[in-house]
């Protein structure tokens, strides 16, 4: 079975905000493309594994290669 994972060292969402200069401090991508609403930005980016269908849309949307699918 495949599973979406987040590399928090690479993720630009830290401490409840985007810390990347590439998007002007407003992160848009992984959360917005998720068709089931499984991703949420809290203090850190979280995945609701019950909602996640492992479609990979968030993987493609992440400019920082912080999200991946593992087997």
C-alpha atoms as a PDB file:
ATOM      1  CA  UNK A   1       0.000   0.000   0.000  1.00  0.00           C
ATOM      2  CA  UNK A   2       1.237   3.484  -0.835  1.00  0.00           C
ATOM      3  CA  UNK A   3       1.255   6.333   1.642  1.00  0.00           C
ATOM      4  CA  UNK A   4       1.793  10.093   1.368  1.00  0.00           C
ATOM      5  CA  UNK A   5       4.588  11.365   3.616  1.00  0.00           C
ATOM      6  CA  UNK A   6       5.882  14.828   4.440  1.00  0.00           C
ATOM      7  CA  UNK A   7       9.558  15.701   4.874  1.00  0.00           C
ATOM      8  CA  UNK A   8       9.196  18.503   7.409  1.00  0.00           C
ATOM      9  CA  UNK A   9      12.799  19.622   6.880  1.00  0.00           C
ATOM     10  CA  UNK A  10      11.907  20.498   3.268  1.00  0.00           C
ATOM     11  CA  UNK A  11       8.350  21.709   3.881  1.00  0.00           C
ATOM     12  CA  UNK A  12       7.932  25.488   3.680  1.00  0.00           C
ATOM     13  CA  UNK A  13       5.042  25.524   6.202  1.00  0.00           C
ATOM     14  CA  UNK A  14       6.560  25.970   9.654  1.00  0.00           C
ATOM     15  CA  UNK A  15       5.155  27.509  12.799  1.00  0.00           C
ATOM     16  CA  UNK A  16       1.798  28.230  11.207  1.00  0.00           C
ATOM     17  CA  UNK A  17       3.164  30.196   8.247  1.00  0.00           C
ATOM     18  CA  UNK A  18       5.047  29.841   4.992  1.00  0.00           C
ATOM     19  CA  UNK A  19       8.743  30.538   5.458  1.00  0.00           C
ATOM     20  CA  UNK A  20       9.663  30.359   1.781  1.00  0.00           C
ATOM     21  CA  UNK A  21      10.578  33.369  -0.293  1.00  0.00           C
ATOM     22  CA  UNK A  22       9.429  31.643  -3.499  1.00  0.00           C
ATOM     23  CA  UNK A  23       5.758  32.336  -2.857  1.00  0.00           C
ATOM     24  CA  UNK A  24       5.940  35.643  -1.016  1.00  0.00           C
ATOM     25  CA  UNK A  25       5.011  34.061   2.299  1.00  0.00           C
ATOM     26  CA  UNK A  26       1.671  32.768   1.020  1.00  0.00           C
ATOM     27  CA  UNK A  27       1.865  29.051   0.460  1.00  0.00           C
ATOM     28  CA  UNK A  28      -0.526  27.750  -2.172  1.00  0.00           C
ATOM     29  CA  UNK A  29      -0.356  24.346  -3.723  1.00  0.00           C
ATOM     30  CA  UNK A  30      -0.658  21.042  -1.920  1.00  0.00           C
ATOM     31  CA  UNK A  31      -3.637  21.890   0.278  1.00  0.00           C
ATOM     32  CA  UNK A  32      -5.513  23.574  -2.550  1.00  0.00           C
ATOM     33  CA  UNK A  33      -5.136  20.679  -5.032  1.00  0.00           C
ATOM     34  CA  UNK A  34      -6.142  17.909  -2.635  1.00  0.00           C
ATOM     35  CA  UNK A  35      -9.467  16.563  -3.944  1.00  0.00           C
ATOM     36  CA  UNK A  36     -10.523  15.142  -0.571  1.00  0.00           C
ATOM     37  CA  UNK A  37      -9.372  17.894   1.803  1.00  0.00           C
ATOM     38  CA  UNK A  38      -6.927  15.539   3.511  1.00  0.00           C
ATOM     39  CA  UNK A  39      -4.205  18.178   3.934  1.00  0.00           C
ATOM     40  CA  UNK A  40      -4.457  21.000   6.428  1.00  0.00           C
ATOM     41  CA  UNK A  41      -2.104  23.781   7.430  1.00  0.00           C
ATOM     42  CA  UNK A  42      -1.950  24.033  11.188  1.00  0.00           C
ATOM     43  CA  UNK A  43       1.275  24.746  13.052  1.00  0.00           C
ATOM     44  CA  UNK A  44       2.674  22.226  10.563  1.00  0.00           C
ATOM     45  CA  UNK A  45       1.188  20.622   7.458  1.00  0.00           C
ATOM     46  CA  UNK A  46      -0.916  17.606   8.445  1.00  0.00           C
ATOM     47  CA  UNK A  47      -2.443  14.695   6.540  1.00  0.00           C
ATOM     48  CA  UNK A  48      -5.716  13.074   7.522  1.00  0.00           C
ATOM     49  CA  UNK A  49      -4.919   9.526   6.455  1.00  0.00           C
ATOM     50  CA  UNK A  50      -8.588   8.536   6.543  1.00  0.00           C
ATOM     51  CA  UNK A  51      -9.399  11.163   3.891  1.00  0.00           C
ATOM     52  CA  UNK A  52      -6.229  10.680   1.794  1.00  0.00           C
ATOM     53  CA  UNK A  53      -6.717   8.598  -1.360  1.00  0.00           C
ATOM     54  CA  UNK A  54      -2.985   8.646  -2.266  1.00  0.00           C
ATOM     55  CA  UNK A  55      -3.680  10.283  -5.627  1.00  0.00           C
ATOM     56  CA  UNK A  56      -0.381  12.200  -5.631  1.00  0.00           C
ATOM     57  CA  UNK A  57      -1.848  15.601  -6.514  1.00  0.00           C
ATOM     58  CA  UNK A  58      -0.100  17.173  -3.518  1.00  0.00           C
ATOM     59  CA  UNK A  59       3.212  15.594  -4.530  1.00  0.00           C
ATOM     60  CA  UNK A  60       3.065  17.318  -7.920  1.00  0.00           C
ATOM     61  CA  UNK A  61       1.976  20.627  -6.391  1.00  0.00           C
ATOM     62  CA  UNK A  62       4.792  20.868  -3.828  1.00  0.00           C
ATOM     63  CA  UNK A  63       7.556  23.153  -5.121  1.00  0.00           C
ATOM     64  CA  UNK A  64       9.911  22.004  -2.349  1.00  0.00           C
ATOM     65  CA  UNK A  65       9.756  18.231  -2.956  1.00  0.00           C
ATOM     66  CA  UNK A  66       8.622  17.870   0.650  1.00  0.00           C
ATOM     67  CA  UNK A  67       5.744  15.508  -0.106  1.00  0.00           C
ATOM     68  CA  UNK A  68       6.243  12.041  -1.525  1.00  0.00           C
ATOM     69  CA  UNK A  69       4.534   8.702  -1.953  1.00  0.00           C
ATOM     70  CA  UNK A  70       6.198   5.719  -0.327  1.00  0.00           C
ATOM     71  CA  UNK A  71       5.315   2.058  -0.531  1.00  0.00           C
END
